[in-house]
Amino acid sequence: MSNLILFSSINFLWYLFPLAAVVSLVYSASRYESPKIILRRSGRLFTTIIIFMALVLGFLFVVQR
């Protein structure tokens, strides 16, 4: 039964990637002016956000069991 709940929420997880990309781009664009720096910093921030979310998701999955 819990596997069905996990699979039903997978579609919701796909919203995290565009959301993290938009947040990192807007945050970087508000801090820097050079497009090269904006893209580099937003890529780094995007990676950090995704890794942090994956760690939190993994922690919650372990705690749930």
Protein backbone atom coordinates (compact mmCIF):
# COMPACT_ATOMS: atom_id res chain seq x y z
CA MET A 1 0.00 0.00 0.00
CA SER A 2 2.79 2.46 0.85
CA ASN A 3 4.38 1.80 -2.57
CA LEU A 4 1.20 3.06 -4.24
CA ILE A 5 1.39 6.27 -2.23
CA LEU A 6 5.04 6.71 -3.22
CA PHE A 7 4.30 6.17 -6.91
CA SER A 8 1.33 8.54 -6.83
CA SER A 9 3.54 11.34 -5.52
CA ILE A 10 6.29 10.89 -8.12
CA ASN A 11 4.49 13.19 -10.57
CA PHE A 12 4.58 15.89 -7.91
CA LEU A 13 8.36 15.55 -7.62
CA TRP A 14 8.86 16.60 -11.25
CA TYR A 15 7.80 20.13 -10.30
CA LEU A 16 10.88 20.43 -8.09
CA PHE A 17 13.34 20.65 -11.00
CA PRO A 18 11.78 23.66 -12.80
CA LEU A 19 11.05 25.32 -9.47
CA ALA A 20 14.67 24.96 -8.33
CA ALA A 21 15.89 26.22 -11.72
CA VAL A 22 13.67 29.31 -11.61
CA VAL A 23 14.54 30.10 -8.00
CA SER A 24 18.26 29.79 -8.67
CA LEU A 25 18.08 31.91 -11.84
CA VAL A 26 16.06 34.69 -10.20
CA TYR A 27 18.25 34.71 -7.10
CA SER A 28 21.46 34.81 -9.15
CA ALA A 29 20.09 37.46 -11.51
CA SER A 30 19.21 39.68 -8.58
CA ARG A 31 22.77 39.49 -7.25
CA TYR A 32 24.92 39.65 -10.40
CA GLU A 33 24.80 41.52 -13.70
CA SER A 34 27.00 39.46 -16.01
CA PRO A 35 25.06 36.70 -17.83
CA LYS A 36 28.08 34.40 -17.63
CA ILE A 37 28.28 34.74 -13.85
CA ILE A 38 24.49 34.46 -13.51
CA LEU A 39 24.43 31.13 -15.37
CA ARG A 40 27.44 29.75 -13.51
CA ARG A 41 26.14 30.72 -10.06
CA SER A 42 22.59 29.61 -10.81
CA GLY A 43 23.89 26.22 -11.98
CA ARG A 44 25.77 25.85 -8.73
CA LEU A 45 22.78 26.95 -6.68
CA PHE A 46 20.47 24.62 -8.64
CA THR A 47 22.74 21.70 -7.85
CA THR A 48 22.87 22.68 -4.18
CA ILE A 49 19.08 22.95 -3.97
CA ILE A 50 18.53 19.56 -5.64
CA ILE A 51 21.10 17.84 -3.41
CA PHE A 52 19.59 19.40 -0.29
CA MET A 53 16.07 18.35 -1.31
CA ALA A 54 17.30 14.82 -2.06
CA LEU A 55 18.95 14.61 1.37
CA VAL A 56 15.79 15.81 3.09
CA LEU A 57 13.68 13.37 1.07
CA GLY A 58 16.04 10.53 1.94
CA PHE A 59 16.00 11.47 5.62
CA LEU A 60 12.21 11.59 5.67
CA PHE A 61 12.04 8.24 3.89
CA VAL A 62 14.34 6.67 6.51
CA VAL A 63 12.42 8.23 9.41
CA GLN A 64 9.12 7.04 7.95
CA ARG A 65 10.21 3.40 8.10
